[in-house]
N, C-alpha and C. Protein backbone atom coordinates (compact mmCIF):
# COMPACT_ATOMS: atom_id res chain seq x y z
N UNK A 1 -1.91 250.62 157.41
CA UNK A 1 -1.20 251.87 157.73
C UNK A 1 -0.84 252.61 156.44
N UNK A 2 -0.96 253.93 156.47
CA UNK A 2 -0.51 254.70 155.31
C UNK A 2 1.00 254.94 155.43
N UNK A 3 1.56 255.63 154.43
CA UNK A 3 3.02 255.80 154.37
C UNK A 3 3.56 256.52 155.60
N UNK A 4 2.92 257.61 156.01
CA UNK A 4 3.42 258.38 157.14
C UNK A 4 3.37 257.57 158.44
N UNK A 5 2.34 256.75 158.58
CA UNK A 5 2.25 255.89 159.77
C UNK A 5 3.36 254.84 159.76
N UNK A 6 3.63 254.28 158.57
CA UNK A 6 4.71 253.30 158.47
C UNK A 6 6.06 253.95 158.74
N UNK A 7 6.25 255.15 158.23
CA UNK A 7 7.50 255.87 158.46
C UNK A 7 7.70 256.15 159.94
N UNK A 8 6.65 256.58 160.60
CA UNK A 8 6.73 256.85 162.04
C UNK A 8 7.05 255.57 162.81
N UNK A 9 6.43 254.45 162.41
CA UNK A 9 6.69 253.19 163.09
C UNK A 9 8.11 252.71 162.83
N UNK A 10 8.59 252.86 161.61
CA UNK A 10 9.97 252.46 161.29
C UNK A 10 10.97 253.24 162.13
N UNK A 11 10.78 254.54 162.23
CA UNK A 11 11.69 255.37 163.04
C UNK A 11 11.63 254.95 164.51
N UNK A 12 10.43 254.67 164.98
CA UNK A 12 10.26 254.23 166.36
C UNK A 12 10.96 252.90 166.61
N UNK A 13 10.80 251.96 165.68
CA UNK A 13 11.41 250.63 165.83
C UNK A 13 12.93 250.69 165.74
N UNK A 14 13.46 251.52 164.84
CA UNK A 14 14.91 251.66 164.76
C UNK A 14 15.50 252.24 166.04
N UNK A 15 14.77 253.13 166.68
CA UNK A 15 15.21 253.69 167.95
C UNK A 15 15.06 252.67 169.09
N UNK A 16 13.94 251.96 169.09
CA UNK A 16 13.66 251.01 170.16
C UNK A 16 14.66 249.85 170.15
N UNK A 17 15.01 249.38 168.97
CA UNK A 17 15.88 248.21 168.86
C UNK A 17 17.29 248.59 168.42
N UNK A 18 17.70 249.78 168.78
CA UNK A 18 19.01 250.28 168.36
C UNK A 18 20.16 249.45 168.89
N UNK A 19 20.03 248.86 170.05
CA UNK A 19 21.14 248.13 170.67
C UNK A 19 20.62 246.80 171.23
N UNK A 20 20.18 245.94 170.34
CA UNK A 20 19.63 244.66 170.75
C UNK A 20 20.14 243.59 169.79
N UNK A 21 20.43 242.42 170.30
CA UNK A 21 20.94 241.34 169.47
C UNK A 21 19.87 240.77 168.55
N UNK A 22 20.32 240.07 167.52
CA UNK A 22 19.39 239.55 166.51
C UNK A 22 18.38 238.58 167.11
N UNK A 23 18.82 237.71 168.00
CA UNK A 23 17.89 236.74 168.59
C UNK A 23 16.80 237.44 169.40
N UNK A 24 17.20 238.38 170.25
CA UNK A 24 16.22 239.11 171.07
C UNK A 24 15.29 239.93 170.19
N UNK A 25 15.83 240.49 169.11
CA UNK A 25 15.00 241.26 168.19
C UNK A 25 13.92 240.37 167.58
N UNK A 26 14.32 239.19 167.09
CA UNK A 26 13.36 238.27 166.48
C UNK A 26 12.32 237.80 167.51
N UNK A 27 12.78 237.55 168.71
CA UNK A 27 11.88 237.10 169.76
C UNK A 27 10.81 238.14 170.05
N UNK A 28 11.21 239.40 170.15
CA UNK A 28 10.26 240.46 170.45
C UNK A 28 9.33 240.74 169.27
N UNK A 29 9.87 240.65 168.05
CA UNK A 29 9.03 240.87 166.87
C UNK A 29 7.94 239.81 166.78
N UNK A 30 8.30 238.56 167.04
CA UNK A 30 7.33 237.47 166.97
C UNK A 30 6.25 237.63 168.03
N UNK A 31 6.62 238.18 169.15
CA UNK A 31 5.65 238.42 170.23
C UNK A 31 4.72 239.59 169.89
N UNK A 32 5.29 240.65 169.29
CA UNK A 32 4.53 241.88 169.08
C UNK A 32 3.85 241.98 167.72
N UNK A 33 4.35 241.24 166.73
CA UNK A 33 3.82 241.34 165.37
C UNK A 33 3.56 239.94 164.81
N UNK A 34 2.43 239.34 165.16
CA UNK A 34 2.16 237.96 164.72
C UNK A 34 2.00 237.81 163.22
N UNK A 35 1.71 238.92 162.52
CA UNK A 35 1.57 238.84 161.06
C UNK A 35 2.90 239.14 160.39
N UNK A 36 3.87 238.28 160.65
CA UNK A 36 5.18 238.45 160.03
C UNK A 36 5.62 237.14 159.39
N UNK A 37 6.63 237.25 158.54
CA UNK A 37 7.19 236.06 157.89
C UNK A 37 8.65 236.32 157.57
N UNK A 38 9.44 235.27 157.59
CA UNK A 38 10.82 235.34 157.12
C UNK A 38 10.83 234.91 155.66
N UNK A 39 11.50 235.68 154.81
CA UNK A 39 11.68 235.29 153.42
C UNK A 39 13.11 234.80 153.27
N UNK A 40 13.27 233.54 152.88
CA UNK A 40 14.60 232.95 152.78
C UNK A 40 14.82 232.33 151.40
N UNK A 41 16.00 232.56 150.85
CA UNK A 41 16.39 231.94 149.59
C UNK A 41 17.05 230.58 149.81
N UNK A 42 17.34 230.25 151.07
CA UNK A 42 18.10 229.05 151.42
C UNK A 42 19.42 229.05 150.64
N UNK A 43 20.02 230.24 150.61
CA UNK A 43 21.27 230.42 149.88
C UNK A 43 22.49 230.32 150.77
N UNK A 44 23.54 231.02 150.37
CA UNK A 44 24.86 230.83 150.97
C UNK A 44 24.92 231.14 152.46
N UNK A 45 24.22 232.18 152.92
CA UNK A 45 24.31 232.59 154.32
C UNK A 45 23.00 232.35 155.08
N UNK A 46 22.07 231.65 154.47
CA UNK A 46 20.72 231.54 155.02
C UNK A 46 20.63 230.77 156.32
N UNK A 47 21.53 229.82 156.54
CA UNK A 47 21.41 228.94 157.70
C UNK A 47 21.43 229.71 159.02
N UNK A 48 22.18 230.81 159.08
CA UNK A 48 22.30 231.56 160.33
C UNK A 48 20.95 232.13 160.75
N UNK A 49 20.29 232.86 159.86
CA UNK A 49 19.01 233.47 160.20
C UNK A 49 17.94 232.41 160.43
N UNK A 50 17.98 231.34 159.63
CA UNK A 50 17.01 230.26 159.83
C UNK A 50 17.21 229.58 161.18
N UNK A 51 18.45 229.44 161.60
CA UNK A 51 18.72 228.85 162.91
C UNK A 51 18.23 229.76 164.02
N UNK A 52 18.46 231.06 163.88
CA UNK A 52 17.96 232.02 164.87
C UNK A 52 16.44 231.93 164.97
N UNK A 53 15.78 231.85 163.82
CA UNK A 53 14.32 231.73 163.79
C UNK A 53 13.88 230.46 164.50
N UNK A 54 14.57 229.36 164.23
CA UNK A 54 14.18 228.08 164.84
C UNK A 54 14.32 228.12 166.36
N UNK A 55 15.26 228.89 166.86
CA UNK A 55 15.44 229.03 168.29
C UNK A 55 14.30 229.83 168.92
N UNK A 56 13.74 230.76 168.17
CA UNK A 56 12.62 231.55 168.68
C UNK A 56 11.34 230.72 168.65
N UNK A 57 11.02 230.17 167.47
CA UNK A 57 9.80 229.37 167.33
C UNK A 57 9.83 228.69 165.95
N UNK A 58 9.79 227.39 165.93
CA UNK A 58 9.83 226.65 164.66
C UNK A 58 8.55 226.82 163.85
N UNK A 59 7.54 227.47 164.42
CA UNK A 59 6.28 227.71 163.71
C UNK A 59 6.25 229.05 162.99
N UNK A 60 7.27 229.87 163.13
CA UNK A 60 7.31 231.14 162.41
C UNK A 60 7.25 230.87 160.91
N UNK A 61 6.36 231.54 160.18
CA UNK A 61 6.25 231.30 158.73
C UNK A 61 7.54 231.66 158.00
N UNK A 62 7.95 230.76 157.12
CA UNK A 62 9.14 230.97 156.29
C UNK A 62 8.70 230.85 154.83
N UNK A 63 8.92 231.90 154.06
CA UNK A 63 8.54 231.93 152.66
C UNK A 63 9.75 231.57 151.80
N UNK A 64 9.54 230.60 150.91
CA UNK A 64 10.58 230.19 149.98
C UNK A 64 10.01 230.31 148.56
N UNK A 65 10.67 231.12 147.73
CA UNK A 65 10.23 231.31 146.35
C UNK A 65 11.01 230.35 145.46
N UNK A 66 10.31 229.36 144.94
CA UNK A 66 10.91 228.42 143.99
C UNK A 66 10.69 228.97 142.59
N UNK A 67 11.70 229.60 142.04
CA UNK A 67 11.58 230.31 140.76
C UNK A 67 11.49 229.38 139.56
N UNK A 68 11.83 228.11 139.75
CA UNK A 68 11.91 227.20 138.62
C UNK A 68 13.26 227.25 137.94
N UNK A 69 14.16 228.11 138.42
CA UNK A 69 15.49 228.25 137.84
C UNK A 69 16.59 228.09 138.89
N UNK A 70 16.24 227.55 140.04
CA UNK A 70 17.21 227.43 141.12
C UNK A 70 18.18 226.28 140.88
N UNK A 71 19.32 226.35 141.54
CA UNK A 71 20.25 225.21 141.56
C UNK A 71 19.58 224.04 142.27
N UNK A 72 19.79 222.84 141.79
CA UNK A 72 19.28 221.67 142.48
C UNK A 72 19.87 221.58 143.88
N UNK A 73 21.10 222.05 144.03
CA UNK A 73 21.75 222.05 145.34
C UNK A 73 20.98 222.91 146.34
N UNK A 74 20.37 223.99 145.87
CA UNK A 74 19.59 224.85 146.76
C UNK A 74 18.33 224.13 147.24
N UNK A 75 17.65 223.44 146.34
CA UNK A 75 16.46 222.68 146.71
C UNK A 75 16.81 221.62 147.77
N UNK A 76 17.91 220.92 147.53
CA UNK A 76 18.33 219.88 148.47
C UNK A 76 18.76 220.48 149.81
N UNK A 77 19.39 221.64 149.75
CA UNK A 77 19.82 222.33 150.98
C UNK A 77 18.60 222.76 151.79
N UNK A 78 17.57 223.26 151.12
CA UNK A 78 16.33 223.62 151.80
C UNK A 78 15.75 222.41 152.54
N UNK A 79 15.69 221.30 151.85
CA UNK A 79 15.13 220.09 152.46
C UNK A 79 15.95 219.66 153.68
N UNK A 80 17.27 219.78 153.57
CA UNK A 80 18.13 219.39 154.67
C UNK A 80 17.96 220.31 155.88
N UNK A 81 17.93 221.64 155.64
CA UNK A 81 17.77 222.58 156.75
C UNK A 81 16.39 222.47 157.37
N UNK A 82 15.39 222.23 156.56
CA UNK A 82 14.04 222.05 157.10
C UNK A 82 14.01 220.90 158.11
N UNK A 83 14.69 219.83 157.78
CA UNK A 83 14.73 218.67 158.66
C UNK A 83 15.65 218.91 159.85
N UNK A 84 16.84 219.43 159.59
CA UNK A 84 17.84 219.64 160.64
C UNK A 84 17.37 220.62 161.70
N UNK A 85 16.76 221.72 161.26
CA UNK A 85 16.32 222.77 162.18
C UNK A 85 14.88 222.57 162.64
N UNK A 86 14.24 221.51 162.15
CA UNK A 86 12.86 221.17 162.52
C UNK A 86 11.90 222.33 162.24
N UNK A 87 12.08 222.95 161.08
CA UNK A 87 11.23 224.06 160.67
C UNK A 87 9.87 223.51 160.23
N UNK A 88 8.82 224.03 160.82
CA UNK A 88 7.50 223.44 160.64
C UNK A 88 6.55 224.24 159.76
N UNK A 89 7.01 225.40 159.28
CA UNK A 89 6.04 226.26 158.58
C UNK A 89 6.66 226.92 157.35
N UNK A 90 7.32 226.12 156.51
CA UNK A 90 7.87 226.63 155.25
C UNK A 90 6.77 226.65 154.20
N UNK A 91 6.57 227.82 153.61
CA UNK A 91 5.55 227.99 152.58
C UNK A 91 6.23 228.25 151.24
N UNK A 92 5.99 227.36 150.27
CA UNK A 92 6.63 227.45 148.97
C UNK A 92 5.70 228.14 147.97
N UNK A 93 6.24 229.16 147.31
CA UNK A 93 5.49 229.87 146.28
C UNK A 93 6.25 229.79 144.96
N UNK A 94 5.50 229.62 143.89
CA UNK A 94 6.09 229.48 142.56
C UNK A 94 5.52 230.53 141.61
N UNK A 95 6.17 230.74 140.48
CA UNK A 95 5.63 231.69 139.50
C UNK A 95 4.24 231.28 139.02
N UNK A 96 3.43 232.28 138.72
CA UNK A 96 2.09 232.03 138.20
C UNK A 96 2.19 231.47 136.77
N UNK A 97 1.46 230.39 136.52
CA UNK A 97 1.55 229.71 135.22
C UNK A 97 1.18 230.65 134.07
N UNK A 98 0.13 231.44 134.24
CA UNK A 98 -0.30 232.34 133.18
C UNK A 98 0.75 233.40 132.89
N UNK A 99 1.42 233.89 133.95
CA UNK A 99 2.49 234.87 133.76
C UNK A 99 3.66 234.27 133.00
N UNK A 100 3.98 233.03 133.31
CA UNK A 100 5.07 232.35 132.60
C UNK A 100 4.72 232.18 131.12
N UNK A 101 3.50 231.75 130.86
CA UNK A 101 3.08 231.55 129.48
C UNK A 101 3.07 232.86 128.68
N UNK A 102 2.74 233.93 129.35
CA UNK A 102 2.67 235.22 128.68
C UNK A 102 4.04 235.83 128.45
N UNK A 103 4.91 235.78 129.47
CA UNK A 103 6.17 236.52 129.41
C UNK A 103 7.42 235.64 129.19
N UNK A 104 7.29 234.35 129.46
CA UNK A 104 8.48 233.49 129.34
C UNK A 104 8.10 232.07 128.91
N UNK A 105 7.41 231.94 127.79
CA UNK A 105 6.95 230.61 127.38
C UNK A 105 8.08 229.65 127.03
N UNK A 106 9.22 230.20 126.57
CA UNK A 106 10.34 229.35 126.20
C UNK A 106 11.41 229.26 127.28
N UNK A 107 11.18 229.92 128.42
CA UNK A 107 12.10 229.81 129.55
C UNK A 107 13.42 230.53 129.41
N UNK A 108 13.49 231.52 128.52
CA UNK A 108 14.77 232.23 128.32
C UNK A 108 14.63 233.74 128.56
N UNK A 109 13.64 234.15 129.34
CA UNK A 109 13.47 235.59 129.62
C UNK A 109 14.69 236.16 130.32
N UNK A 110 15.42 235.32 131.06
CA UNK A 110 16.62 235.82 131.75
C UNK A 110 17.67 236.33 130.77
N UNK A 111 17.61 235.85 129.53
CA UNK A 111 18.54 236.31 128.50
C UNK A 111 17.99 237.56 127.81
N UNK A 112 16.69 237.56 127.55
CA UNK A 112 16.08 238.66 126.80
C UNK A 112 15.81 239.88 127.67
N UNK A 113 15.32 239.67 128.87
CA UNK A 113 14.96 240.79 129.77
C UNK A 113 15.00 240.28 131.20
N UNK A 114 16.13 240.49 131.86
CA UNK A 114 16.33 240.00 133.22
C UNK A 114 15.33 240.56 134.21
N UNK A 115 14.90 241.81 133.99
CA UNK A 115 13.96 242.42 134.93
C UNK A 115 12.59 241.75 134.85
N UNK A 116 12.15 241.44 133.64
CA UNK A 116 10.88 240.73 133.47
C UNK A 116 10.97 239.35 134.10
N UNK A 117 12.08 238.67 133.86
CA UNK A 117 12.27 237.33 134.43
C UNK A 117 12.19 237.36 135.95
N UNK A 118 12.89 238.29 136.56
CA UNK A 118 12.89 238.40 138.02
C UNK A 118 11.50 238.76 138.54
N UNK A 119 10.78 239.59 137.79
CA UNK A 119 9.46 239.99 138.26
C UNK A 119 8.51 238.79 138.30
N UNK A 120 8.43 238.04 137.21
CA UNK A 120 7.45 236.95 137.17
C UNK A 120 7.89 235.76 138.02
N UNK A 121 9.19 235.60 138.23
CA UNK A 121 9.67 234.43 138.96
C UNK A 121 9.95 234.69 140.44
N UNK A 122 10.11 235.98 140.81
CA UNK A 122 10.43 236.30 142.20
C UNK A 122 9.48 237.33 142.82
N UNK A 123 9.39 238.48 142.17
CA UNK A 123 8.67 239.60 142.78
C UNK A 123 7.17 239.31 142.90
N UNK A 124 6.53 238.88 141.81
CA UNK A 124 5.10 238.62 141.86
C UNK A 124 4.75 237.48 142.82
N UNK A 125 5.50 236.36 142.82
CA UNK A 125 5.21 235.32 143.82
C UNK A 125 5.38 235.82 145.25
N UNK A 126 6.36 236.68 145.48
CA UNK A 126 6.55 237.20 146.84
C UNK A 126 5.40 238.10 147.25
N UNK A 127 4.86 238.88 146.31
CA UNK A 127 3.71 239.72 146.63
C UNK A 127 2.55 238.86 147.10
N UNK A 128 2.34 237.74 146.45
CA UNK A 128 1.28 236.82 146.88
C UNK A 128 1.59 236.23 148.24
N UNK A 129 2.86 235.87 148.43
CA UNK A 129 3.26 235.22 149.67
C UNK A 129 3.08 236.13 150.88
N UNK A 130 3.28 237.44 150.69
CA UNK A 130 3.24 238.38 151.80
C UNK A 130 1.91 239.12 151.91
N UNK A 131 0.91 238.63 151.22
CA UNK A 131 -0.37 239.31 151.15
C UNK A 131 -0.96 239.61 152.53
N UNK A 132 -0.80 238.69 153.47
CA UNK A 132 -1.38 238.87 154.81
C UNK A 132 -0.36 239.36 155.85
N UNK A 133 0.81 239.73 155.40
CA UNK A 133 1.87 240.12 156.35
C UNK A 133 1.98 241.64 156.49
N UNK A 134 2.28 242.06 157.71
CA UNK A 134 2.57 243.48 157.97
C UNK A 134 4.07 243.74 157.95
N UNK A 135 4.83 242.73 158.39
CA UNK A 135 6.28 242.84 158.50
C UNK A 135 6.90 241.58 157.92
N UNK A 136 7.99 241.77 157.16
CA UNK A 136 8.72 240.59 156.70
C UNK A 136 10.21 240.74 156.99
N UNK A 137 10.83 239.59 157.19
CA UNK A 137 12.23 239.54 157.65
C UNK A 137 13.13 239.14 156.49
N UNK A 138 14.20 239.89 156.33
CA UNK A 138 15.17 239.66 155.26
C UNK A 138 16.53 239.35 155.85
N UNK A 139 17.35 238.65 155.09
CA UNK A 139 18.70 238.31 155.55
C UNK A 139 19.79 239.24 155.05
N UNK A 140 19.42 240.42 154.55
CA UNK A 140 20.43 241.33 153.99
C UNK A 140 21.40 241.84 155.06
N UNK A 141 22.65 242.08 154.61
CA UNK A 141 23.70 242.58 155.50
C UNK A 141 24.48 243.68 154.80
N UNK A 142 25.00 244.60 155.58
CA UNK A 142 25.69 245.76 155.00
C UNK A 142 26.98 245.38 154.30
N UNK A 143 27.67 244.35 154.76
CA UNK A 143 28.96 244.02 154.18
C UNK A 143 28.85 243.36 152.81
N UNK A 144 27.65 242.95 152.42
CA UNK A 144 27.50 242.16 151.20
C UNK A 144 27.85 242.91 149.93
N UNK A 145 27.57 244.19 149.90
CA UNK A 145 27.87 244.99 148.70
C UNK A 145 27.80 246.46 149.04
N UNK A 146 28.36 247.28 148.16
CA UNK A 146 28.34 248.73 148.38
C UNK A 146 26.92 249.27 148.36
N UNK A 147 26.03 248.64 147.60
CA UNK A 147 24.65 249.12 147.52
C UNK A 147 23.86 248.83 148.77
N UNK A 148 24.39 247.95 149.63
CA UNK A 148 23.69 247.61 150.87
C UNK A 148 24.39 248.18 152.11
N UNK A 149 25.40 248.98 151.89
CA UNK A 149 26.27 249.40 152.99
C UNK A 149 25.56 250.23 154.05
N UNK A 150 24.45 250.86 153.71
CA UNK A 150 23.79 251.77 154.66
C UNK A 150 22.38 251.34 155.03
N UNK A 151 22.04 250.07 154.82
CA UNK A 151 20.68 249.65 155.15
C UNK A 151 20.43 249.71 156.66
N UNK A 152 19.21 250.08 157.02
CA UNK A 152 18.80 250.11 158.42
C UNK A 152 18.26 248.75 158.84
N UNK A 153 18.08 248.58 160.15
CA UNK A 153 17.46 247.35 160.65
C UNK A 153 16.01 247.30 160.18
N UNK A 154 15.31 248.43 160.29
CA UNK A 154 13.92 248.51 159.85
C UNK A 154 13.83 249.48 158.67
N UNK A 155 13.04 249.10 157.66
CA UNK A 155 12.87 249.92 156.47
C UNK A 155 11.41 249.88 156.03
N UNK A 156 11.01 250.90 155.30
CA UNK A 156 9.70 250.86 154.64
C UNK A 156 9.87 250.10 153.33
N UNK A 157 8.96 249.17 153.08
CA UNK A 157 9.01 248.39 151.86
C UNK A 157 7.60 248.39 151.24
N UNK A 158 7.35 249.35 150.37
CA UNK A 158 6.03 249.52 149.77
C UNK A 158 4.97 249.63 150.87
N UNK A 159 4.07 248.65 150.97
CA UNK A 159 2.99 248.74 151.96
C UNK A 159 3.33 248.02 153.26
N UNK A 160 4.55 247.52 153.37
CA UNK A 160 4.94 246.77 154.57
C UNK A 160 6.21 247.34 155.16
N UNK A 161 6.60 246.75 156.28
CA UNK A 161 7.89 247.07 156.91
C UNK A 161 8.81 245.87 156.74
N UNK A 162 10.03 246.15 156.37
CA UNK A 162 11.03 245.09 156.20
C UNK A 162 12.06 245.18 157.32
N UNK A 163 12.46 244.02 157.83
CA UNK A 163 13.41 243.96 158.94
C UNK A 163 14.66 243.22 158.47
N UNK A 164 15.80 243.80 158.78
CA UNK A 164 17.10 243.19 158.46
C UNK A 164 17.85 242.91 159.77
N UNK A 165 17.52 241.82 160.47
CA UNK A 165 18.10 241.58 161.80
C UNK A 165 19.62 241.42 161.79
N UNK A 166 20.18 241.02 160.64
CA UNK A 166 21.62 240.78 160.56
C UNK A 166 22.34 241.89 159.82
N UNK A 167 21.73 243.03 159.68
CA UNK A 167 22.32 244.14 158.91
C UNK A 167 23.73 244.47 159.37
N UNK A 168 23.96 244.43 160.68
CA UNK A 168 25.25 244.85 161.24
C UNK A 168 26.27 243.70 161.29
N UNK A 169 25.87 242.49 160.97
CA UNK A 169 26.79 241.35 161.04
C UNK A 169 27.77 241.41 159.87
N UNK A 170 28.99 240.93 160.13
CA UNK A 170 29.98 240.82 159.05
C UNK A 170 30.29 239.35 158.79
N UNK A 171 31.19 239.09 157.86
CA UNK A 171 31.50 237.70 157.49
C UNK A 171 32.05 236.91 158.67
N UNK A 172 32.84 237.56 159.50
CA UNK A 172 33.40 236.87 160.67
C UNK A 172 32.29 236.48 161.65
N UNK A 173 31.35 237.37 161.88
CA UNK A 173 30.22 237.06 162.78
C UNK A 173 29.47 235.83 162.29
N UNK A 174 29.22 235.77 160.99
CA UNK A 174 28.50 234.63 160.42
C UNK A 174 29.30 233.34 160.59
N UNK A 175 30.59 233.42 160.31
CA UNK A 175 31.44 232.23 160.42
C UNK A 175 31.49 231.71 161.85
N UNK A 176 31.56 232.62 162.81
CA UNK A 176 31.60 232.21 164.21
C UNK A 176 30.29 231.58 164.65
N UNK A 177 29.19 232.11 164.16
CA UNK A 177 27.88 231.55 164.51
C UNK A 177 27.74 230.15 163.91
N UNK A 178 28.12 230.01 162.67
CA UNK A 178 28.07 228.70 162.00
C UNK A 178 28.91 227.68 162.74
N UNK A 179 30.09 228.12 163.16
CA UNK A 179 31.01 227.23 163.88
C UNK A 179 30.42 226.84 165.24
N UNK A 180 29.87 227.81 165.94
CA UNK A 180 29.33 227.56 167.28
C UNK A 180 28.21 226.53 167.24
N UNK A 181 27.32 226.67 166.25
CA UNK A 181 26.15 225.78 166.20
C UNK A 181 26.29 224.66 165.16
N UNK A 182 27.50 224.58 164.57
CA UNK A 182 27.80 223.51 163.62
C UNK A 182 26.73 223.40 162.52
N UNK A 183 26.46 224.51 161.91
CA UNK A 183 25.43 224.55 160.87
C UNK A 183 25.99 224.06 159.54
N UNK A 184 25.21 223.31 158.78
CA UNK A 184 25.68 222.82 157.48
C UNK A 184 25.76 223.96 156.46
N UNK A 185 26.76 223.89 155.61
CA UNK A 185 26.94 224.92 154.59
C UNK A 185 26.22 224.54 153.30
N UNK A 186 25.82 225.56 152.56
CA UNK A 186 25.29 225.32 151.22
C UNK A 186 26.38 224.63 150.41
N UNK A 187 26.06 223.57 149.69
CA UNK A 187 27.10 222.81 148.99
C UNK A 187 27.87 223.59 147.93
N UNK A 188 27.33 224.70 147.43
CA UNK A 188 28.03 225.47 146.40
C UNK A 188 29.07 226.44 146.97
N UNK A 189 29.06 226.63 148.28
CA UNK A 189 30.04 227.54 148.88
C UNK A 189 31.46 227.06 148.63
N UNK A 190 31.66 225.77 148.64
CA UNK A 190 33.01 225.22 148.42
C UNK A 190 33.57 225.59 147.05
N UNK A 191 32.67 225.92 146.12
CA UNK A 191 33.07 226.34 144.78
C UNK A 191 33.09 227.86 144.64
N UNK A 192 33.03 228.55 145.77
CA UNK A 192 33.12 230.01 145.85
C UNK A 192 31.89 230.74 145.31
N UNK A 193 30.74 230.09 145.43
CA UNK A 193 29.49 230.78 145.18
C UNK A 193 29.06 231.38 146.53
N UNK A 194 29.23 232.69 146.66
CA UNK A 194 29.01 233.33 147.95
C UNK A 194 27.66 234.03 148.05
N UNK A 195 26.98 234.18 146.94
CA UNK A 195 25.61 234.69 146.92
C UNK A 195 24.90 233.89 145.84
N UNK A 196 23.88 233.14 146.23
CA UNK A 196 23.33 232.12 145.35
C UNK A 196 21.88 232.41 145.02
N UNK A 197 21.63 232.67 143.75
CA UNK A 197 20.27 232.90 143.29
C UNK A 197 19.89 231.86 142.26
N UNK A 198 19.32 232.30 141.15
CA UNK A 198 18.95 231.38 140.08
C UNK A 198 20.20 230.94 139.32
N UNK A 199 20.17 229.72 138.85
CA UNK A 199 21.34 229.13 138.21
C UNK A 199 21.84 229.91 136.99
N UNK A 200 20.96 230.37 136.09
CA UNK A 200 21.47 231.06 134.90
C UNK A 200 22.14 232.40 135.20
N UNK A 201 21.85 232.98 136.34
CA UNK A 201 22.32 234.35 136.63
C UNK A 201 23.27 234.41 137.82
N UNK A 202 23.87 233.28 138.18
CA UNK A 202 24.77 233.23 139.33
C UNK A 202 26.10 232.61 138.92
N UNK A 203 27.19 233.28 139.28
CA UNK A 203 28.53 232.74 139.03
C UNK A 203 29.33 232.75 140.32
N UNK A 204 30.46 232.05 140.31
CA UNK A 204 31.35 232.05 141.45
C UNK A 204 31.98 233.43 141.62
N UNK A 205 32.38 233.74 142.84
CA UNK A 205 33.00 235.02 143.17
C UNK A 205 34.52 234.88 143.10
N UNK A 206 35.14 235.87 142.50
CA UNK A 206 36.60 235.87 142.37
C UNK A 206 37.24 236.52 143.60
N UNK A 207 38.52 236.26 143.79
CA UNK A 207 39.25 236.81 144.93
C UNK A 207 39.19 238.33 144.91
N UNK A 208 38.82 238.92 146.06
CA UNK A 208 38.77 240.37 146.20
C UNK A 208 37.44 240.99 145.83
N UNK A 209 36.52 240.20 145.26
CA UNK A 209 35.20 240.74 144.91
C UNK A 209 34.26 240.68 146.11
N UNK A 210 33.23 241.54 146.10
CA UNK A 210 32.26 241.47 147.18
C UNK A 210 31.38 240.24 146.97
N UNK A 211 30.71 239.76 148.04
CA UNK A 211 29.98 238.49 147.95
C UNK A 211 28.88 238.44 146.89
N UNK A 212 28.35 239.59 146.50
CA UNK A 212 27.26 239.59 145.52
C UNK A 212 27.71 239.87 144.10
N UNK A 213 29.00 239.92 143.87
CA UNK A 213 29.50 240.25 142.53
C UNK A 213 29.22 239.16 141.51
N UNK A 214 28.91 237.96 141.99
CA UNK A 214 28.61 236.88 141.07
C UNK A 214 27.18 236.87 140.58
N UNK A 215 26.36 237.80 141.03
CA UNK A 215 24.96 237.87 140.61
C UNK A 215 24.83 238.79 139.39
N UNK A 216 24.21 238.31 138.35
CA UNK A 216 23.99 239.07 137.11
C UNK A 216 25.29 239.67 136.59
N UNK A 217 26.32 238.87 136.59
CA UNK A 217 27.64 239.36 136.14
C UNK A 217 27.57 239.85 134.69
N UNK A 218 28.16 241.01 134.47
CA UNK A 218 28.25 241.54 133.12
C UNK A 218 27.09 242.42 132.69
N UNK A 219 26.09 242.57 133.56
CA UNK A 219 24.96 243.46 133.23
C UNK A 219 24.77 244.46 134.35
N UNK A 220 24.10 245.56 134.04
CA UNK A 220 23.87 246.61 135.04
C UNK A 220 22.65 246.25 135.88
N UNK A 221 22.80 245.28 136.73
CA UNK A 221 21.70 244.82 137.57
C UNK A 221 22.31 244.31 138.87
N UNK A 222 21.80 244.77 140.00
CA UNK A 222 22.34 244.35 141.29
C UNK A 222 21.29 243.71 142.19
N UNK A 223 20.01 243.87 141.85
CA UNK A 223 18.93 243.31 142.66
C UNK A 223 17.86 242.74 141.75
N UNK A 224 17.09 241.78 142.28
CA UNK A 224 16.06 241.15 141.47
C UNK A 224 14.77 241.97 141.45
N UNK A 225 14.62 242.90 142.39
CA UNK A 225 13.39 243.67 142.50
C UNK A 225 12.68 243.44 143.81
N UNK A 226 13.02 242.35 144.48
CA UNK A 226 12.49 242.12 145.83
C UNK A 226 13.02 243.19 146.76
N UNK A 227 14.30 243.51 146.60
CA UNK A 227 14.93 244.60 147.35
C UNK A 227 15.28 245.71 146.37
N UNK A 228 15.20 246.94 146.83
CA UNK A 228 15.52 248.07 145.96
C UNK A 228 17.02 248.39 145.97
N UNK A 229 17.72 247.86 146.99
CA UNK A 229 19.16 248.11 147.08
C UNK A 229 19.80 246.97 147.83
């Protein structure tokens, strides 16, 4: 599809699914768009969307980008949720070795140029991961930060369509869902890590800060490049 066709489809989908719950939305998307995938960081709030996906179909493709800089707790959490939710189609993508050798041979690009680091460790692997996908599912929510306050359920994302099934959910909604289904928490949440990315660029959140304030603290950067806002 060209840009205008994608724009028309996005507008149509936002109108069609204007008043539908996240589970029903995922169910209908999986039925109507077989070339889709969920992209999950297996971070602080990931269990909710992963659980919803597992209820629809445990065979839905789930993309996990192992940047090589993740917390060990995140890797272990992924393994636990994969087993607990009986997820059968997790696809792991890693940075390209040649890209690492060219741009980050000493492993400190996150200090020298955070944008380059994010590109080779997240953005480029995701491009490969989504090569055959028309639609991909994201866990972004409006309450997470001011830069995400106005995201739609459906958006144009370069050559694909991105879906944010939980865009309208707030922290209370997530907590109630976790409680209802007794979902395990990411082990770093107890230390007030409310948005969890790569270890060198993630800090705990202070009282009164938005959940993503611990990402790239102290620099003018709010996204890794996977999302534009």
